[in-house]
Amino acid sequence: MVDILKRSGRKQNFSLAKLQKAIDRAAKDAKMPVAKRKELCKEIAEGIKGSLRRKRSISAVDLRRRVLGRLDRRSIATSKAWRKFDRRRH
């Protein structure tokens, strides 16, 4: 299992479900239809999971960058919605 290293120094187990939920929320905010949202979530999350296969840990910042890079290539509107949420949170 891959550990996510948070900015606070805390470790958290990687959760595919949590990642899919975050992508789905951003896609929903971007007004993407349900069927396309499901497809996008699965594609991005599985791609990230595959890229982490040989890793023991990854920083949350690096994970975010990987997700947004994939979203930028697949759905600009969803990527913008994710970034908008990030700005509200910080």
PDB file of N, CA and C in Angstrom:
ATOM      1  N   MET A   1       0.835  -1.189   0.000  1.00  0.00           N
ATOM      2  CA  MET A   1       0.000   0.000   0.000  1.00  0.00           C
ATOM      3  C   MET A   1       0.875   1.245   0.000  1.00  0.00           C
ATOM      4  N   VAL A   2       0.425   2.252  -0.662  1.00  0.00           N
ATOM      5  CA  VAL A   2       1.166   3.506  -0.790  1.00  0.00           C
ATOM      6  C   VAL A   2       0.741   4.469   0.311  1.00  0.00           C
ATOM      7  N   ASP A   3       1.710   5.121   0.929  1.00  0.00           N
ATOM      8  CA  ASP A   3       1.425   6.158   1.922  1.00  0.00           C
ATOM      9  C   ASP A   3       1.450   7.521   1.244  1.00  0.00           C
ATOM     10  N   ILE A   4       0.514   8.370   1.630  1.00  0.00           N
ATOM     11  CA  ILE A   4       0.487   9.754   1.181  1.00  0.00           C
ATOM     12  C   ILE A   4       1.094  10.582   2.306  1.00  0.00           C
ATOM     13  N   LEU A   5       2.131  11.343   1.988  1.00  0.00           N
ATOM     14  CA  LEU A   5       2.794  12.181   2.982  1.00  0.00           C
ATOM     15  C   LEU A   5       2.176  13.574   2.924  1.00  0.00           C
ATOM     16  N   LYS A   6       1.462  13.930   3.989  1.00  0.00           N
ATOM     17  CA  LYS A   6       0.777  15.215   4.052  1.00  0.00           C
ATOM     18  C   LYS A   6       1.770  16.326   4.381  1.00  0.00           C
ATOM     19  N   ARG A   7       1.358  17.560   4.127  1.00  0.00           N
ATOM     20  CA  ARG A   7       2.224  18.713   4.432  1.00  0.00           C
ATOM     21  C   ARG A   7       2.570  18.783   5.912  1.00  0.00           C
ATOM     22  N   SER A   8       1.655  18.330   6.743  1.00  0.00           N
ATOM     23  CA  SER A   8       1.861  18.367   8.191  1.00  0.00           C
ATOM     24  C   SER A   8       2.885  17.327   8.655  1.00  0.00           C
ATOM     25  N   GLY A   9       3.273  16.424   7.738  1.00  0.00           N
ATOM     26  CA  GLY A   9       4.197  15.351   8.088  1.00  0.00           C
ATOM     27  C   GLY A   9       3.478  14.054   8.407  1.00  0.00           C
ATOM     28  N   ARG A  10       2.167  14.111   8.515  1.00  0.00           N
ATOM     29  CA  ARG A  10       1.349  12.932   8.804  1.00  0.00           C
ATOM     30  C   ARG A  10       1.300  12.029   7.578  1.00  0.00           C
ATOM     31  N   LYS A  11       1.144  10.740   7.804  1.00  0.00           N
ATOM     32  CA  LYS A  11       1.001   9.770   6.711  1.00  0.00           C
ATOM     33  C   LYS A  11      -0.440   9.282   6.668  1.00  0.00           C
ATOM     34  N   GLN A  12      -0.911   9.011   5.464  1.00  0.00           N
ATOM     35  CA  GLN A  12      -2.265   8.490   5.271  1.00  0.00           C
ATOM     36  C   GLN A  12      -2.201   7.457   4.153  1.00  0.00           C
ATOM     37  N   ASN A  13      -2.918   6.364   4.291  1.00  0.00           N
ATOM     38  CA  ASN A  13      -2.963   5.357   3.241  1.00  0.00           C
ATOM     39  C   ASN A  13      -3.658   5.919   2.011  1.00  0.00           C
ATOM     40  N   PHE A  14      -3.137   5.585   0.838  1.00  0.00           N
ATOM     41  CA  PHE A  14      -3.768   5.998  -0.406  1.00  0.00           C
ATOM     42  C   PHE A  14      -5.136   5.333  -0.512  1.00  0.00           C
ATOM     43  N   SER A  15      -6.140   6.124  -0.868  1.00  0.00           N
ATOM     44  CA  SER A  15      -7.495   5.612  -1.014  1.00  0.00           C
ATOM     45  C   SER A  15      -7.989   5.914  -2.424  1.00  0.00           C
ATOM     46  N   LEU A  16      -8.170   4.865  -3.205  1.00  0.00           N
ATOM     47  CA  LEU A  16      -8.684   5.024  -4.556  1.00  0.00           C
ATOM     48  C   LEU A  16     -10.084   5.631  -4.515  1.00  0.00           C
ATOM     49  N   ALA A  17     -10.886   5.206  -3.559  1.00  0.00           N
ATOM     50  CA  ALA A  17     -12.258   5.721  -3.432  1.00  0.00           C
ATOM     51  C   ALA A  17     -12.255   7.221  -3.131  1.00  0.00           C
ATOM     52  N   LYS A  18     -11.353   7.657  -2.271  1.00  0.00           N
ATOM     53  CA  LYS A  18     -11.271   9.087  -1.929  1.00  0.00           C
ATOM     54  C   LYS A  18     -10.857   9.904  -3.155  1.00  0.00           C
ATOM     55  N   LEU A  19      -9.925   9.385  -3.910  1.00  0.00           N
ATOM     56  CA  LEU A  19      -9.492  10.073  -5.129  1.00  0.00           C
ATOM     57  C   LEU A  19     -10.639  10.157  -6.135  1.00  0.00           C
ATOM     58  N   GLN A  20     -11.356   9.055  -6.329  1.00  0.00           N
ATOM     59  CA  GLN A  20     -12.474   9.048  -7.263  1.00  0.00           C
ATOM     60  C   GLN A  20     -13.558  10.026  -6.821  1.00  0.00           C
ATOM     61  N   LYS A  21     -13.801  10.110  -5.527  1.00  0.00           N
ATOM     62  CA  LYS A  21     -14.809  11.029  -5.004  1.00  0.00           C
ATOM     63  C   LYS A  21     -14.408  12.484  -5.280  1.00  0.00           C
ATOM     64  N   ALA A  22     -13.140  12.790  -5.106  1.00  0.00           N
ATOM     65  CA  ALA A  22     -12.663  14.154  -5.359  1.00  0.00           C
ATOM     66  C   ALA A  22     -12.781  14.505  -6.845  1.00  0.00           C
ATOM     67  N   ILE A  23     -12.419  13.580  -7.705  1.00  0.00           N
ATOM     68  CA  ILE A  23     -12.528  13.812  -9.155  1.00  0.00           C
ATOM     69  C   ILE A  23     -13.996  13.969  -9.538  1.00  0.00           C
ATOM     70  N   ASP A  24     -14.859  13.111  -8.985  1.00  0.00           N
ATOM     71  CA  ASP A  24     -16.291  13.190  -9.278  1.00  0.00           C
ATOM     72  C   ASP A  24     -16.868  14.526  -8.833  1.00  0.00           C
ATOM     73  N   ARG A  25     -16.478  14.986  -7.674  1.00  0.00           N
ATOM     74  CA  ARG A  25     -16.974  16.270  -7.157  1.00  0.00           C
ATOM     75  C   ARG A  25     -16.559  17.412  -8.081  1.00  0.00           C
ATOM     76  N   ALA A  26     -15.312  17.402  -8.535  1.00  0.00           N
ATOM     77  CA  ALA A  26     -14.838  18.448  -9.444  1.00  0.00           C
ATOM     78  C   ALA A  26     -15.567  18.366 -10.781  1.00  0.00           C
ATOM     79  N   ALA A  27     -15.771  17.154 -11.289  1.00  0.00           N
ATOM     80  CA  ALA A  27     -16.476  16.978 -12.562  1.00  0.00           C
ATOM     81  C   ALA A  27     -17.933  17.420 -12.447  1.00  0.00           C
ATOM     82  N   LYS A  28     -18.535  17.158 -11.303  1.00  0.00           N
ATOM     83  CA  LYS A  28     -19.918  17.593 -11.069  1.00  0.00           C
ATOM     84  C   LYS A  28     -19.989  19.114 -11.052  1.00  0.00           C
ATOM     85  N   ASP A  29     -19.022  19.762 -10.380  1.00  0.00           N
ATOM     86  CA  ASP A  29     -18.962  21.234 -10.358  1.00  0.00           C
ATOM     87  C   ASP A  29     -18.748  21.795 -11.747  1.00  0.00           C
ATOM     88  N   ALA A  30     -18.088  21.017 -12.614  1.00  0.00           N
ATOM     89  CA  ALA A  30     -17.831  21.434 -13.993  1.00  0.00           C
ATOM     90  C   ALA A  30     -19.025  21.127 -14.900  1.00  0.00           C
ATOM     91  N   LYS A  31     -20.114  20.643 -14.308  1.00  0.00           N
ATOM     92  CA  LYS A  31     -21.366  20.351 -15.036  1.00  0.00           C
ATOM     93  C   LYS A  31     -21.213  19.217 -16.053  1.00  0.00           C
ATOM     94  N   MET A  32     -20.374  18.246 -15.726  1.00  0.00           N
ATOM     95  CA  MET A  32     -20.182  17.100 -16.605  1.00  0.00           C
ATOM     96  C   MET A  32     -21.312  16.097 -16.375  1.00  0.00           C
ATOM     97  N   PRO A  33     -21.861  15.516 -17.433  1.00  0.00           N
ATOM     98  CA  PRO A  33     -22.917  14.512 -17.278  1.00  0.00           C
ATOM     99  C   PRO A  33     -22.428  13.302 -16.471  1.00  0.00           C
ATOM    100  N   VAL A  34     -23.354  12.650 -15.791  1.00  0.00           N
ATOM    101  CA  VAL A  34     -23.032  11.544 -14.885  1.00  0.00           C
ATOM    102  C   VAL A  34     -22.223  10.441 -15.561  1.00  0.00           C
ATOM    103  N   ALA A  35     -22.628  10.018 -16.734  1.00  0.00           N
ATOM    104  CA  ALA A  35     -21.914   8.930 -17.419  1.00  0.00           C
ATOM    105  C   ALA A  35     -20.474   9.316 -17.714  1.00  0.00           C
ATOM    106  N   LYS A  36     -20.257  10.534 -18.163  1.00  0.00           N
ATOM    107  CA  LYS A  36     -18.892  10.988 -18.456  1.00  0.00           C
ATOM    108  C   LYS A  36     -18.085  11.135 -17.174  1.00  0.00           C
ATOM    109  N   ARG A  37     -18.743  11.565 -16.093  1.00  0.00           N
ATOM    110  CA  ARG A  37     -18.060  11.704 -14.797  1.00  0.00           C
ATOM    111  C   ARG A  37     -17.535  10.351 -14.344  1.00  0.00           C
ATOM    112  N   LYS A  38     -18.373   9.326 -14.435  1.00  0.00           N
ATOM    113  CA  LYS A  38     -17.952   7.984 -14.015  1.00  0.00           C
ATOM    114  C   LYS A  38     -16.763   7.498 -14.836  1.00  0.00           C
ATOM    115  N   GLU A  39     -16.828   7.723 -16.131  1.00  0.00           N
ATOM    116  CA  GLU A  39     -15.739   7.311 -17.018  1.00  0.00           C
ATOM    117  C   GLU A  39     -14.451   8.059 -16.678  1.00  0.00           C
ATOM    118  N   LEU A  40     -14.561   9.366 -16.468  1.00  0.00           N
ATOM    119  CA  LEU A  40     -13.402  10.188 -16.129  1.00  0.00           C
ATOM    120  C   LEU A  40     -12.790   9.742 -14.803  1.00  0.00           C
ATOM    121  N   CYS A  41     -13.631   9.547 -13.795  1.00  0.00           N
ATOM    122  CA  CYS A  41     -13.143   9.123 -12.475  1.00  0.00           C
ATOM    123  C   CYS A  41     -12.368   7.817 -12.570  1.00  0.00           C
ATOM    124  N   LYS A  42     -12.947   6.866 -13.262  1.00  0.00           N
ATOM    125  CA  LYS A  42     -12.297   5.558 -13.387  1.00  0.00           C
ATOM    126  C   LYS A  42     -10.976   5.680 -14.134  1.00  0.00           C
ATOM    127  N   GLU A  43     -10.987   6.397 -15.252  1.00  0.00           N
ATOM    128  CA  GLU A  43      -9.779   6.532 -16.072  1.00  0.00           C
ATOM    129  C   GLU A  43      -8.647   7.212 -15.306  1.00  0.00           C
ATOM    130  N   ILE A  44      -8.936   8.342 -14.668  1.00  0.00           N
ATOM    131  CA  ILE A  44      -7.895   9.090 -13.958  1.00  0.00           C
ATOM    132  C   ILE A  44      -7.414   8.309 -12.736  1.00  0.00           C
ATOM    133  N   ALA A  45      -8.340   7.805 -11.937  1.00  0.00           N
ATOM    134  CA  ALA A  45      -7.964   7.097 -10.712  1.00  0.00           C
ATOM    135  C   ALA A  45      -7.164   5.828 -11.015  1.00  0.00           C
ATOM    136  N   GLU A  46      -7.576   5.070 -12.011  1.00  0.00           N
ATOM    137  CA  GLU A  46      -6.837   3.849 -12.358  1.00  0.00           C
ATOM    138  C   GLU A  46      -5.447   4.190 -12.898  1.00  0.00           C
ATOM    139  N   GLY A  47      -5.349   5.273 -13.660  1.00  0.00           N
ATOM    140  CA  GLY A  47      -4.047   5.706 -14.163  1.00  0.00           C
ATOM    141  C   GLY A  47      -3.106   6.100 -13.035  1.00  0.00           C
ATOM    142  N   ILE A  48      -3.643   6.820 -12.065  1.00  0.00           N
ATOM    143  CA  ILE A  48      -2.839   7.223 -10.905  1.00  0.00           C
ATOM    144  C   ILE A  48      -2.436   5.986 -10.105  1.00  0.00           C
ATOM    145  N   LYS A  49      -3.384   5.088  -9.885  1.00  0.00           N
ATOM    146  CA  LYS A  49      -3.092   3.860  -9.145  1.00  0.00           C
ATOM    147  C   LYS A  49      -1.964   3.086  -9.825  1.00  0.00           C
ATOM    148  N   GLY A  50      -2.017   2.993 -11.137  1.00  0.00           N
ATOM    149  CA  GLY A  50      -0.969   2.305 -11.879  1.00  0.00           C
ATOM    150  C   GLY A  50       0.382   2.982 -11.755  1.00  0.00           C
ATOM    151  N   SER A  51       0.381   4.308 -11.753  1.00  0.00           N
ATOM    152  CA  SER A  51       1.652   5.038 -11.657  1.00  0.00           C
ATOM    153  C   SER A  51       2.261   4.936 -10.265  1.00  0.00           C
ATOM    154  N   LEU A  52       1.454   4.554  -9.279  1.00  0.00           N
ATOM    155  CA  LEU A  52       1.953   4.431  -7.901  1.00  0.00           C
ATOM    156  C   LEU A  52       2.340   2.992  -7.546  1.00  0.00           C
ATOM    157  N   ARG A  53       2.160   2.079  -8.481  1.00  0.00           N
ATOM    158  CA  ARG A  53       2.341   0.651  -8.212  1.00  0.00           C
ATOM    159  C   ARG A  53       3.691   0.327  -7.575  1.00  0.00           C
ATOM    160  N   ARG A  54       4.733   0.964  -8.000  1.00  0.00           N
ATOM    161  CA  ARG A  54       6.075   0.637  -7.496  1.00  0.00           C
ATOM    162  C   ARG A  54       6.553   1.583  -6.392  1.00  0.00           C
ATOM    163  N   LYS A  55       5.685   2.451  -5.927  1.00  0.00           N
ATOM    164  CA  LYS A  55       6.068   3.414  -4.895  1.00  0.00           C
ATOM    165  C   LYS A  55       5.601   2.964  -3.518  1.00  0.00           C
ATOM    166  N   ARG A  56       6.351   3.374  -2.513  1.00  0.00           N
ATOM    167  CA  ARG A  56       5.949   3.129  -1.128  1.00  0.00           C
ATOM    168  C   ARG A  56       5.240   4.348  -0.567  1.00  0.00           C
ATOM    169  N   SER A  57       5.657   5.535  -1.045  1.00  0.00           N
ATOM    170  CA  SER A  57       5.035   6.764  -0.560  1.00  0.00           C
ATOM    171  C   SER A  57       5.147   7.842  -1.633  1.00  0.00           C
ATOM    172  N   ILE A  58       4.291   8.863  -1.495  1.00  0.00           N
ATOM    173  CA  ILE A  58       4.284  10.004  -2.395  1.00  0.00           C
ATOM    174  C   ILE A  58       3.745  11.186  -1.609  1.00  0.00           C
ATOM    175  N   SER A  59       4.265  12.364  -1.879  1.00  0.00           N
ATOM    176  CA  SER A  59       3.753  13.542  -1.176  1.00  0.00           C
ATOM    177  C   SER A  59       2.380  13.907  -1.732  1.00  0.00           C
ATOM    178  N   ALA A  60       1.563  14.489  -0.896  1.00  0.00           N
ATOM    179  CA  ALA A  60       0.228  14.915  -1.321  1.00  0.00           C
ATOM    180  C   ALA A  60       0.336  15.943  -2.442  1.00  0.00           C
ATOM    181  N   VAL A  61       1.353  16.779  -2.392  1.00  0.00           N
ATOM    182  CA  VAL A  61       1.564  17.799  -3.422  1.00  0.00           C
ATOM    183  C   VAL A  61       1.861  17.135  -4.769  1.00  0.00           C
ATOM    184  N   ASP A  62       2.717  16.123  -4.757  1.00  0.00           N
ATOM    185  CA  ASP A  62       3.055  15.410  -5.997  1.00  0.00           C
ATOM    186  C   ASP A  62       1.848  14.648  -6.542  1.00  0.00           C
ATOM    187  N   LEU A  63       1.081  14.039  -5.654  1.00  0.00           N
ATOM    188  CA  LEU A  63      -0.126  13.322  -6.079  1.00  0.00           C
ATOM    189  C   LEU A  63      -1.106  14.298  -6.729  1.00  0.00           C
ATOM    190  N   ARG A  64      -1.309  15.446  -6.113  1.00  0.00           N
ATOM    191  CA  ARG A  64      -2.200  16.476  -6.652  1.00  0.00           C
ATOM    192  C   ARG A  64      -1.733  16.915  -8.039  1.00  0.00           C
ATOM    193  N   ARG A  65      -0.432  17.122  -8.179  1.00  0.00           N
ATOM    194  CA  ARG A  65       0.130  17.537  -9.461  1.00  0.00           C
ATOM    195  C   ARG A  65      -0.112  16.480 -10.541  1.00  0.00           C
ATOM    196  N   ARG A  66       0.038  15.227 -10.191  1.00  0.00           N
ATOM    197  CA  ARG A  66      -0.209  14.137 -11.147  1.00  0.00           C
ATOM    198  C   ARG A  66      -1.675  14.100 -11.572  1.00  0.00           C
ATOM    199  N   VAL A  67      -2.574  14.238 -10.593  1.00  0.00           N
ATOM    200  CA  VAL A  67      -4.008  14.209 -10.899  1.00  0.00           C
ATOM    201  C   VAL A  67      -4.371  15.384 -11.797  1.00  0.00           C
ATOM    202  N   LEU A  68      -3.915  16.578 -11.435  1.00  0.00           N
ATOM    203  CA  LEU A  68      -4.251  17.758 -12.231  1.00  0.00           C
ATOM    204  C   LEU A  68      -3.639  17.692 -13.628  1.00  0.00           C
ATOM    205  N   GLY A  69      -2.471  17.113 -13.756  1.00  0.00           N
ATOM    206  CA  GLY A  69      -1.869  16.944 -15.078  1.00  0.00           C
ATOM    207  C   GLY A  69      -2.738  16.071 -15.967  1.00  0.00           C
ATOM    208  N   ARG A  70      -3.245  14.994 -15.397  1.00  0.00           N
ATOM    209  CA  ARG A  70      -4.128  14.110 -16.161  1.00  0.00           C
ATOM    210  C   ARG A  70      -5.458  14.796 -16.466  1.00  0.00           C
ATOM    211  N   LEU A  71      -5.979  15.543 -15.498  1.00  0.00           N
ATOM    212  CA  LEU A  71      -7.235  16.260 -15.735  1.00  0.00           C
ATOM    213  C   LEU A  71      -7.054  17.341 -16.802  1.00  0.00           C
ATOM    214  N   ASP A  72      -5.907  18.016 -16.791  1.00  0.00           N
ATOM    215  CA  ASP A  72      -5.640  19.044 -17.812  1.00  0.00           C
ATOM    216  C   ASP A  72      -5.695  18.450 -19.215  1.00  0.00           C
ATOM    217  N   ARG A  73      -5.220  17.215 -19.359  1.00  0.00           N
ATOM    218  CA  ARG A  73      -5.225  16.566 -20.670  1.00  0.00           C
ATOM    219  C   ARG A  73      -6.595  16.000 -21.041  1.00  0.00           C
ATOM    220  N   ARG A  74      -7.403  15.690 -20.044  1.00  0.00           N
ATOM    221  CA  ARG A  74      -8.674  15.000 -20.297  1.00  0.00           C
ATOM    222  C   ARG A  74      -9.900  15.909 -20.204  1.00  0.00           C
ATOM    223  N   SER A  75      -9.888  16.848 -19.229  1.00  0.00           N
ATOM    224  CA  SER A  75     -11.048  17.714 -19.018  1.00  0.00           C
ATOM    225  C   SER A  75     -10.623  19.014 -18.345  1.00  0.00           C
ATOM    226  N   ILE A  76     -10.409  20.040 -19.144  1.00  0.00           N
ATOM    227  CA  ILE A  76      -9.975  21.336 -18.624  1.00  0.00           C
ATOM    228  C   ILE A  76     -10.993  21.893 -17.628  1.00  0.00           C
ATOM    229  N   ALA A  77     -12.274  21.745 -17.917  1.00  0.00           N
ATOM    230  CA  ALA A  77     -13.313  22.282 -17.030  1.00  0.00           C
ATOM    231  C   ALA A  77     -13.237  21.624 -15.649  1.00  0.00           C
ATOM    232  N   THR A  78     -13.009  20.325 -15.609  1.00  0.00           N
ATOM    233  CA  THR A  78     -12.898  19.619 -14.331  1.00  0.00           C
ATOM    234  C   THR A  78     -11.638  20.048 -13.599  1.00  0.00           C
ATOM    235  N   SER A  79     -10.559  20.220 -14.330  1.00  0.00           N
ATOM    236  CA  SER A  79      -9.306  20.684 -13.745  1.00  0.00           C
ATOM    237  C   SER A  79      -9.484  22.071 -13.118  1.00  0.00           C
ATOM    238  N   LYS A  80     -10.182  22.949 -13.810  1.00  0.00           N
ATOM    239  CA  LYS A  80     -10.438  24.299 -13.278  1.00  0.00           C
ATOM    240  C   LYS A  80     -11.306  24.235 -12.024  1.00  0.00           C
ATOM    241  N   ALA A  81     -12.305  23.359 -12.023  1.00  0.00           N
ATOM    242  CA  ALA A  81     -13.173  23.205 -10.854  1.00  0.00           C
ATOM    243  C   ALA A  81     -12.371  22.705  -9.654  1.00  0.00           C
ATOM    244  N   TRP A  82     -11.453  21.764  -9.886  1.00  0.00           N
ATOM    245  CA  TRP A  82     -10.599  21.243  -8.801  1.00  0.00           C
ATOM    246  C   TRP A  82      -9.750  22.381  -8.228  1.00  0.00           C
ATOM    247  N   ARG A  83      -9.132  23.156  -9.098  1.00  0.00           N
ATOM    248  CA  ARG A  83      -8.280  24.261  -8.645  1.00  0.00           C
ATOM    249  C   ARG A  83      -9.088  25.314  -7.888  1.00  0.00           C
ATOM    250  N   LYS A  84     -10.294  25.569  -8.335  1.00  0.00           N
ATOM    251  CA  LYS A  84     -11.169  26.540  -7.659  1.00  0.00           C
ATOM    252  C   LYS A  84     -11.467  26.057  -6.244  1.00  0.00           C
ATOM    253  N   PHE A  85     -11.751  24.758  -6.095  1.00  0.00           N
ATOM    254  CA  PHE A  85     -11.988  24.186  -4.779  1.00  0.00           C
ATOM    255  C   PHE A  85     -10.740  24.322  -3.906  1.00  0.00           C
ATOM    256  N   ASP A  86      -9.570  24.060  -4.469  1.00  0.00           N
ATOM    257  CA  ASP A  86      -8.310  24.190  -3.719  1.00  0.00           C
ATOM    258  C   ASP A  86      -8.122  25.600  -3.190  1.00  0.00           C
ATOM    259  N   ARG A  87      -8.428  26.586  -4.010  1.00  0.00           N
ATOM    260  CA  ARG A  87      -8.263  27.992  -3.583  1.00  0.00           C
ATOM    261  C   ARG A  87      -9.205  28.326  -2.429  1.00  0.00           C
ATOM    262  N   ARG A  88     -10.403  27.790  -2.460  1.00  0.00           N
ATOM    263  CA  ARG A  88     -11.363  28.047  -1.367  1.00  0.00           C
ATOM    264  C   ARG A  88     -10.911  27.391  -0.065  1.00  0.00           C
ATOM    265  N   ARG A  89     -10.246  26.260  -0.208  1.00  0.00           N
ATOM    266  CA  ARG A  89      -9.840  25.486   0.967  1.00  0.00           C
ATOM    267  C   ARG A  89      -8.634  26.084   1.680  1.00  0.00           C
ATOM    268  N   HIS A  90      -7.762  26.747   0.959  1.00  0.00           N
ATOM    269  CA  HIS A  90      -6.522  27.258   1.572  1.00  0.00           C
ATOM    270  C   HIS A  90      -6.596  28.715   1.862  1.00  0.00           C
TER     271      HIS A  90
END
